[in-house]
Protein backbone atom coordinates (compact mmCIF):
# COMPACT_ATOMS: atom_id res chain seq x y z
CA MET A 1 41.44 6.73 30.39
CA ARG A 2 40.00 4.89 33.37
CA VAL A 3 38.37 1.68 32.11
CA VAL A 4 36.41 -0.98 33.97
CA ILE A 5 36.16 -4.35 32.23
CA VAL A 6 33.51 -6.86 33.30
CA ALA A 7 33.58 -10.55 32.33
CA GLY A 8 32.39 -13.85 33.75
CA PRO A 9 34.57 -16.77 34.82
CA ASP A 10 34.37 -18.93 31.69
CA PRO A 11 37.88 -19.13 30.13
CA GLY A 12 36.51 -18.21 26.71
CA HIS A 13 35.35 -14.89 28.13
CA ALA A 14 37.74 -14.18 31.02
CA ILE A 15 40.90 -14.72 28.97
CA PRO A 16 39.94 -12.18 26.24
CA ALA A 17 39.02 -9.72 29.01
CA ILE A 18 42.48 -10.11 30.56
CA ALA A 19 44.05 -9.72 27.12
CA LEU A 20 42.08 -6.52 26.54
CA SER A 21 43.09 -5.20 29.96
CA LEU A 22 46.73 -5.71 29.01
CA ARG A 23 46.16 -3.87 25.73
CA PHE A 24 44.82 -0.90 27.70
CA LEU A 25 47.80 -1.03 30.05
CA ASP A 26 50.24 -1.09 27.15
CA ALA A 27 48.49 1.97 25.69
CA GLY A 28 48.91 3.91 28.94
CA ASP A 29 45.34 3.58 30.17
CA ASP A 30 44.18 2.53 33.64
CA PRO A 31 42.04 -0.65 33.49
CA VAL A 32 40.32 -2.54 36.31
CA LEU A 33 38.99 -6.03 35.62
CA PHE A 34 36.03 -7.60 37.46
CA THR A 35 35.76 -11.34 36.81
CA GLY A 36 35.47 -14.78 38.41
CA GLY A 37 37.55 -15.89 41.38
CA ARG A 38 39.64 -18.44 39.47
CA TRP A 39 41.29 -15.59 37.55
CA LEU A 40 42.16 -13.24 40.41
CA ALA A 41 45.67 -14.56 41.03
CA ARG A 42 46.46 -15.09 37.35
CA GLY A 43 45.21 -11.66 36.29
CA THR A 44 47.05 -9.96 39.13
CA ALA A 45 50.27 -11.83 38.28
CA ALA A 46 49.95 -10.57 34.71
CA GLY A 47 49.86 -7.00 36.03
CA VAL A 48 46.12 -6.38 35.78
CA ASP A 49 44.15 -4.90 38.68
CA THR A 50 41.83 -7.89 38.95
CA ARG A 51 38.87 -8.06 41.33
CA LEU A 52 36.03 -10.41 42.11
CA LEU A 53 32.85 -9.67 40.17
CA PRO A 54 30.00 -9.59 42.71
CA GLY A 55 26.73 -11.38 42.05
CA LEU A 56 28.11 -14.31 40.02
CA ALA A 57 26.86 -17.04 42.35
CA PRO A 58 23.44 -18.46 41.41
CA ARG A 59 20.60 -17.41 43.69
CA PRO A 60 17.82 -19.63 44.97
CA GLY A 61 15.13 -19.66 42.33
CA ASP A 62 17.42 -18.84 39.39
CA ASP A 63 16.47 -20.86 36.31
CA ASP A 64 19.73 -21.58 34.53
CA LEU A 65 17.93 -23.79 32.02
CA ASP A 66 16.27 -20.65 30.63
CA ALA A 67 19.05 -18.88 28.72
CA GLY A 68 17.17 -15.57 28.62
CA ALA A 69 16.55 -15.58 32.35
CA ARG A 70 20.14 -16.66 33.00
CA ILE A 71 21.54 -13.75 31.01
CA HIS A 72 19.09 -10.92 31.69
CA ALA A 73 17.75 -11.54 35.21
CA ARG A 74 21.23 -12.38 36.46
CA ALA A 75 22.58 -9.30 34.67
CA ALA A 76 20.18 -7.06 36.54
CA TYR A 77 21.25 -8.58 39.85
CA ILE A 78 24.96 -8.29 38.99
CA SER A 79 24.49 -4.66 38.00
CA THR A 80 23.02 -3.87 41.41
CA GLU A 81 25.79 -5.71 43.25
CA LEU A 82 28.48 -4.09 41.10
CA LEU A 83 27.08 -0.57 41.20
CA PRO A 84 28.75 0.66 44.44
CA GLU A 85 32.19 -0.58 43.35
CA LEU A 86 31.74 0.78 39.84
CA ARG A 87 30.71 4.18 41.18
CA ALA A 88 33.82 4.23 43.41
CA GLU A 89 36.06 3.60 40.39
CA THR A 90 34.69 6.66 38.50
CA PRO A 91 35.38 5.06 35.12
CA ASP A 92 35.43 6.96 31.85
CA LEU A 93 34.28 3.81 30.06
CA VAL A 94 32.97 0.33 30.90
CA VAL A 95 33.64 -2.71 28.71
CA SER A 96 31.12 -5.47 29.38
CA ASP A 97 31.38 -9.03 28.08
CA ILE A 98 28.37 -9.99 25.98
CA LEU A 99 27.40 -12.82 28.36
CA THR A 100 27.99 -10.73 31.47
CA ALA A 101 25.55 -7.99 30.57
CA GLY A 102 25.39 -6.69 34.13
CA GLY A 103 28.43 -4.55 33.45
CA GLY A 104 26.62 -2.70 30.70
CA LEU A 105 23.50 -2.25 32.82
CA ALA A 106 25.56 -0.87 35.72
CA ALA A 107 27.32 1.55 33.38
CA GLU A 108 24.03 2.75 31.97
CA ARG A 109 22.65 3.26 35.47
CA LEU A 110 25.63 5.51 36.21
CA GLY A 111 25.39 7.35 32.91
CA VAL A 112 28.80 6.05 31.79
CA PRO A 113 29.41 5.03 28.16
CA TRP A 114 30.04 1.35 27.63
CA ALA A 115 31.34 -1.03 25.01
CA GLU A 116 30.22 -4.62 24.47
CA LEU A 117 32.98 -7.22 24.10
CA SER A 118 32.14 -10.30 22.02
CA PRO A 119 34.98 -12.85 22.08
CA HIS A 120 33.61 -14.33 18.86
CA PRO A 121 31.96 -13.14 15.61
CA LEU A 122 28.82 -11.01 15.52
CA TYR A 123 25.89 -13.21 16.51
CA ALA A 124 23.10 -10.65 16.24
CA PRO A 125 20.18 -11.87 14.09
CA SER A 126 20.29 -10.71 10.48
CA LYS A 127 17.69 -10.47 7.75
CA GLY A 128 20.29 -11.86 5.35
CA LEU A 129 21.47 -14.94 7.28
CA PRO A 130 20.05 -18.19 8.58
CA PRO A 131 19.75 -18.24 12.38
CA ILE A 132 23.09 -18.22 14.17
CA GLY A 133 23.82 -21.70 15.49
CA SER A 134 22.49 -23.55 12.46
CA GLY A 135 25.96 -23.77 10.98
CA LEU A 136 24.48 -23.09 7.54
CA ALA A 137 25.81 -20.77 4.89
CA PRO A 138 23.37 -18.11 3.65
CA GLY A 139 20.87 -19.64 1.28
CA VAL A 140 21.38 -19.14 -2.46
CA GLY A 141 18.58 -18.65 -4.96
CA LEU A 142 14.85 -18.60 -4.30
CA ARG A 143 14.80 -21.90 -2.39
CA GLY A 144 17.78 -20.93 -0.28
CA ARG A 145 16.30 -17.58 0.65
CA MET A 146 12.95 -19.22 1.46
CA ARG A 147 14.73 -21.71 3.71
CA ASP A 148 16.44 -18.91 5.62
CA THR A 149 13.19 -16.96 5.92
CA MET A 150 11.37 -19.97 7.34
CA MET A 151 14.19 -20.70 9.79
CA ARG A 152 14.24 -17.10 10.98
CA ALA A 153 10.49 -17.25 11.52
CA ALA A 154 10.90 -20.40 13.58
CA THR A 155 13.38 -18.70 15.91
CA ALA A 156 11.59 -15.34 16.07
CA ARG A 157 9.47 -16.37 19.04
CA SER A 158 12.55 -17.15 21.15
CA ILE A 159 14.14 -13.86 20.15
CA ARG A 160 11.01 -11.94 21.15
CA GLN A 161 10.93 -13.76 24.49
CA GLY A 162 14.56 -12.79 25.12
CA LEU A 163 13.78 -9.14 24.34
CA ARG A 164 10.86 -9.22 26.78
CA GLN A 165 13.10 -10.70 29.46
CA ARG A 166 15.71 -8.03 28.82
CA SER A 167 13.11 -5.26 29.05
CA ALA A 168 11.73 -6.67 32.30
CA ALA A 169 15.22 -6.85 33.78
CA ARG A 170 15.91 -3.26 32.77
CA VAL A 171 12.67 -1.95 34.24
CA GLY A 172 13.41 -3.86 37.43
CA VAL A 173 16.57 -1.78 38.01
CA GLY A 174 15.03 1.54 37.05
CA LEU A 175 16.04 1.77 33.40
CA PRO A 176 13.76 2.34 30.40
CA ALA A 177 12.34 -0.84 28.90
CA ARG A 178 13.91 -0.12 25.52
CA ASP A 179 17.58 -1.05 25.40
CA PRO A 180 19.67 1.54 23.51
CA GLY A 181 22.59 -0.89 23.42
CA PRO A 182 26.30 -0.19 23.78
CA SER A 183 28.16 2.73 22.28
CA VAL A 184 30.39 0.30 20.38
CA ARG A 185 30.66 -3.44 19.90
CA LEU A 186 34.12 -5.05 19.92
CA LEU A 187 34.17 -8.30 17.93
CA ALA A 188 37.34 -10.11 18.97
CA THR A 189 37.56 -12.47 16.02
CA LEU A 190 39.31 -12.98 12.71
CA PRO A 191 37.58 -11.50 9.66
CA ALA A 192 37.86 -14.99 8.14
CA LEU A 193 35.29 -16.24 10.68
CA GLU A 194 32.80 -13.46 9.95
CA VAL A 195 30.12 -13.67 7.26
CA PRO A 196 28.85 -10.75 5.17
CA ARG A 197 25.43 -9.41 6.14
CA PRO A 198 23.30 -6.60 4.68
CA ASP A 199 22.54 -5.11 8.10
CA TRP A 200 25.96 -4.86 9.72
CA PRO A 201 25.65 -2.50 12.74
CA ALA A 202 27.46 0.79 12.29
CA ASN A 203 28.95 0.55 15.79
CA ALA A 204 30.35 -2.99 15.38
CA HIS A 205 34.12 -3.28 14.89
CA VAL A 206 36.21 -6.40 14.24
CA VAL A 207 39.27 -6.02 16.50
CA GLY A 208 40.91 -9.42 16.08
CA PRO A 209 41.27 -12.25 18.61
CA LEU A 210 42.23 -11.15 22.12
CA LEU A 211 44.72 -13.79 23.20
CA TRP A 212 46.57 -14.28 26.46
CA GLU A 213 48.50 -17.25 27.83
CA PRO A 214 47.55 -18.08 31.44
CA THR A 215 50.95 -19.68 32.07
CA THR A 216 54.62 -19.12 31.29
CA GLU A 217 55.32 -22.85 31.28
CA VAL A 218 56.32 -24.44 27.98
CA LEU A 219 55.15 -28.01 27.45
CA GLU A 220 57.77 -29.62 25.26
CA PRO A 221 56.38 -31.96 22.59
CA PRO A 222 57.52 -35.57 22.34
CA PRO A 223 60.82 -35.97 20.47
CA GLY A 224 60.88 -37.08 16.87
CA ALA A 225 60.30 -35.85 13.34
CA GLU A 226 56.72 -37.03 12.87
CA PRO A 227 53.99 -34.38 12.45
CA LEU A 228 52.87 -32.86 15.75
CA VAL A 229 49.16 -32.93 16.57
CA MET A 230 47.93 -30.62 19.32
CA ILE A 231 44.77 -31.65 21.17
CA ALA A 232 42.88 -28.93 23.06
CA PRO A 233 39.67 -30.16 24.69
CA SER A 234 36.96 -27.54 25.08
CA THR A 235 36.97 -25.55 28.33
CA ALA A 236 33.26 -24.73 27.95
CA PHE A 237 30.69 -26.70 29.95
CA THR A 238 28.89 -27.32 26.65
CA GLY A 239 31.96 -28.93 25.08
CA ALA A 240 31.83 -32.43 23.61
CA GLU A 241 32.60 -35.07 26.23
CA GLY A 242 35.28 -37.70 25.69
CA MET A 243 37.05 -35.86 22.88
CA LEU A 244 40.51 -36.13 24.47
CA GLU A 245 40.21 -39.86 25.02
CA ALA A 246 38.82 -40.48 21.53
CA ALA A 247 41.56 -38.42 19.88
CA ILE A 248 44.32 -40.15 21.80
CA GLY A 249 42.83 -43.55 21.00
CA GLY A 250 42.55 -42.71 17.32
CA LEU A 251 46.05 -41.30 16.99
CA ASP A 252 47.79 -44.18 18.77
CA GLY A 253 50.02 -45.75 16.13
CA ALA A 254 49.10 -43.16 13.48
CA GLY A 255 52.67 -41.98 12.95
CA VAL A 256 52.24 -38.63 14.70
CA ARG A 257 53.43 -37.02 17.92
CA VAL A 258 50.75 -35.72 20.26
CA VAL A 259 50.69 -32.89 22.78
CA ALA A 260 47.54 -32.12 24.75
CA SER A 261 46.81 -28.68 26.20
CA ILE A 262 44.91 -29.07 29.48
CA LEU A 263 44.08 -25.92 31.45
CA ASP A 264 43.88 -27.73 34.80
CA GLY A 265 46.97 -29.87 34.36
CA ARG A 266 47.62 -33.42 33.20
CA PRO A 267 44.50 -35.58 33.66
CA PRO A 268 44.73 -39.18 34.87
CA GLY A 269 44.85 -41.99 32.37
CA VAL A 270 46.77 -40.19 29.62
CA PRO A 271 49.38 -42.59 28.16
CA ASP A 272 53.07 -41.79 28.50
CA TRP A 273 53.59 -41.23 24.76
CA VAL A 274 51.34 -38.14 24.94
CA ARG A 275 52.68 -34.92 26.47
CA ALA A 276 49.76 -33.40 28.37
CA GLY A 277 49.24 -30.60 30.85
CA LEU A 278 49.18 -26.84 31.21
CA GLY A 279 51.52 -25.06 28.85
CA ARG A 280 51.68 -22.11 26.49
CA GLN A 281 49.45 -22.88 23.55
CA ASP A 282 51.29 -20.48 21.27
CA SER A 283 54.47 -22.54 21.72
CA MET A 284 52.59 -25.76 20.95
CA LEU A 285 50.96 -24.29 17.86
CA ALA A 286 54.28 -22.97 16.56
CA GLU A 287 55.34 -26.60 16.03
CA SER A 288 51.97 -28.20 15.23
CA ALA A 289 50.80 -29.43 11.85
CA VAL A 290 47.17 -29.76 12.93
CA ALA A 291 45.08 -28.93 16.01
CA VAL A 292 42.20 -31.02 17.31
CA CYS A 293 39.81 -28.85 19.30
CA GLY A 294 36.20 -28.46 20.32
CA GLY A 295 35.43 -25.60 17.98
CA GLY A 296 35.19 -22.96 20.68
CA HIS A 297 36.19 -19.57 19.37
CA GLY A 298 39.28 -19.03 21.52
CA MET A 299 41.16 -22.14 20.45
CA LEU A 300 39.86 -22.07 16.89
CA ALA A 301 40.93 -18.47 16.34
CA LYS A 302 44.30 -19.06 18.00
CA ALA A 303 45.05 -22.04 15.77
CA LEU A 304 44.07 -20.19 12.60
CA LEU A 305 46.04 -17.12 13.66
CA HIS A 306 49.08 -19.41 13.77
CA GLY A 307 48.22 -20.79 10.34
CA VAL A 308 47.40 -24.25 11.77
CA PRO A 309 44.45 -26.16 10.26
CA VAL A 310 42.01 -27.79 12.64
CA VAL A 311 39.90 -30.85 13.23
CA THR A 312 36.90 -29.67 15.21
CA VAL A 313 34.69 -31.73 17.50
CA PRO A 314 31.90 -29.24 18.22
CA GLY A 315 29.75 -29.48 21.32
CA GLY A 316 26.95 -27.11 22.24
CA GLY A 317 26.67 -23.34 22.25
CA ASP A 318 28.23 -21.67 19.23
CA GLN A 319 30.75 -24.43 18.49
CA TRP A 320 28.71 -25.96 15.65
CA GLU A 321 28.38 -22.55 14.00
CA LEU A 322 32.10 -21.79 14.26
CA ALA A 323 33.21 -25.25 13.18
CA ASN A 324 31.15 -25.02 10.00
CA ARG A 325 32.37 -21.51 9.22
CA ALA A 326 35.96 -22.74 9.44
CA ALA A 327 35.11 -25.77 7.30
CA ARG A 328 33.55 -23.56 4.62
CA GLN A 329 36.65 -21.36 4.70
CA GLY A 330 38.68 -24.49 3.97
CA SER A 331 40.80 -24.69 7.11
CA ALA A 332 38.87 -27.31 9.10
CA VAL A 333 37.30 -30.74 9.08
CA VAL A 334 34.25 -31.24 11.30
CA VAL A 335 33.85 -34.52 13.20
CA ARG A 336 30.51 -35.16 14.87
CA PRO A 337 29.88 -37.42 16.62
CA ALA A 338 33.43 -38.07 17.73
CA SER A 339 34.98 -41.51 17.58
CA ALA A 340 38.57 -42.70 17.56
CA ASP A 341 38.34 -43.89 13.95
CA ALA A 342 36.65 -40.69 12.72
CA LEU A 343 39.21 -38.47 14.42
CA ARG A 344 42.12 -40.45 13.04
CA ALA A 345 40.67 -40.25 9.52
CA ALA A 346 40.11 -36.50 9.87
CA VAL A 347 43.67 -35.85 11.07
CA GLU A 348 45.08 -37.97 8.26
CA LYS A 349 42.93 -36.05 5.76
CA VAL A 350 44.25 -32.69 6.96
CA LEU A 351 47.87 -33.89 7.03
CA GLY A 352 47.55 -35.38 3.56
CA ASP A 353 45.99 -32.36 1.85
CA PRO A 354 48.07 -29.15 1.87
CA SER A 355 45.03 -27.04 0.96
CA PHE A 356 43.95 -27.05 4.61
CA ALA A 357 47.21 -25.41 5.73
CA VAL A 358 46.99 -22.92 2.86
CA ALA A 359 43.47 -21.94 3.96
CA ALA A 360 44.60 -21.61 7.58
CA ARG A 361 47.39 -19.25 6.55
CA ALA A 362 44.88 -17.27 4.48
CA ALA A 363 42.66 -16.97 7.55
CA ALA A 364 45.64 -15.72 9.57
CA ALA A 365 46.33 -13.07 6.95
CA THR A 366 42.91 -11.50 7.52
CA ALA A 367 44.19 -10.29 10.90
CA GLU A 368 45.85 -7.45 8.97
CA HIS A 369 42.40 -5.92 8.47
CA VAL A 370 41.23 -5.53 12.08
CA GLN A 371 40.91 -2.38 14.18
CA ASP A 372 42.68 -1.54 17.42
CA PRO A 373 40.21 -2.12 20.28
CA VAL A 374 41.82 0.58 22.42
CA GLN A 375 41.42 3.19 19.70
CA VAL A 376 37.83 2.09 19.08
CA CYS A 377 37.07 2.59 22.78
CA ARG A 378 38.81 5.95 22.87
CA SER A 379 36.70 7.07 19.93
CA VAL A 380 33.61 6.68 22.13
CA LEU A 381 34.87 9.39 24.47
CA ALA A 382 36.14 11.54 21.62
CA ASP A 383 32.71 11.45 20.00
CA GLY A 384 30.89 11.98 23.29
CA SER A 385 28.60 9.08 22.42
CA ALA A 386 27.68 8.05 25.96
CA THR A 387 24.68 5.84 26.51
CA VAL A 388 22.93 7.48 29.46
CA GLY A 389 20.22 5.89 31.55
CA SER A 390 18.69 6.89 34.85
CA CYS A 391 21.45 7.52 37.37
CA ASP A 392 21.08 5.75 40.71
């Protein structure tokens, strides 16, 4: 099967795309990955045919403060820039990251079936949930259901605006205004981070976290027998600022060893008693008693998959939602706003209460109930369920 995978440059989206490409390779398929320039050398070194995704650079007049315009208008432009290269690849299937929707549009313009990759839980609105991003559990009883109904009504206008922007973008590249959506949706998360909903889409499949280590280097933790705390600052631009410094300040003298996972290498100002830099996170987590992270899905899912409880310092985007889901599951403590004292207290709470580690191991066990993303994608071709638009 010839597969083209499209993802933007953000680590939380590019890394799962590389991981999925490797899954296709291992299954004997022929994947090509289009993504941001910072991943070209790393993806190629991992054995993936990795190419630069055209159209990523902002254009004059783009309004990146408008999320709908940023996603949909940019997607239409990317689809046009990508179209000649996609046509030349003659793919059987396209997998398009949920935030890089241009891949799906380009596939539809060619009449090629496509799958949507979400490197997180299902975030589609639901009639049975409060709005995604609130961090709230579904309301219980009459008052709870009324609360959720009112919150959904408050966000409905923004949702309608996004749908209008999507329709306009589609019409602008010659597609019908109504979006038929992908053939399948791949939700690369742990079932423990999902929530039940009465309107689960029939084409949505939980396939488990798609993890890949961008380095072979192992960052050895400091020597000693004290509990090891792993700090992983958010790689997202919406991540909480100052979390690394606050965590280090709070843990100084707390009777723990600290290792900090930094994608771009050891930052200045980190004290000598902290091991910090780029290293395999799976090796760090194998020895860690607790992880301190921003609540982004990639690091949160990786920690839970290793059975490691977390202290989350959520920033923007979906981090508040994910942090609260993990807290309700019992494997996390949420700290917001972050301070040295609050982070120290949260780490001590997790280390002192074994129920957090038990919940983290329970979350890891839910990985036994996911589907194989390669087989899900192959089922699209077996069923002949292509989403066909107007061919350019």
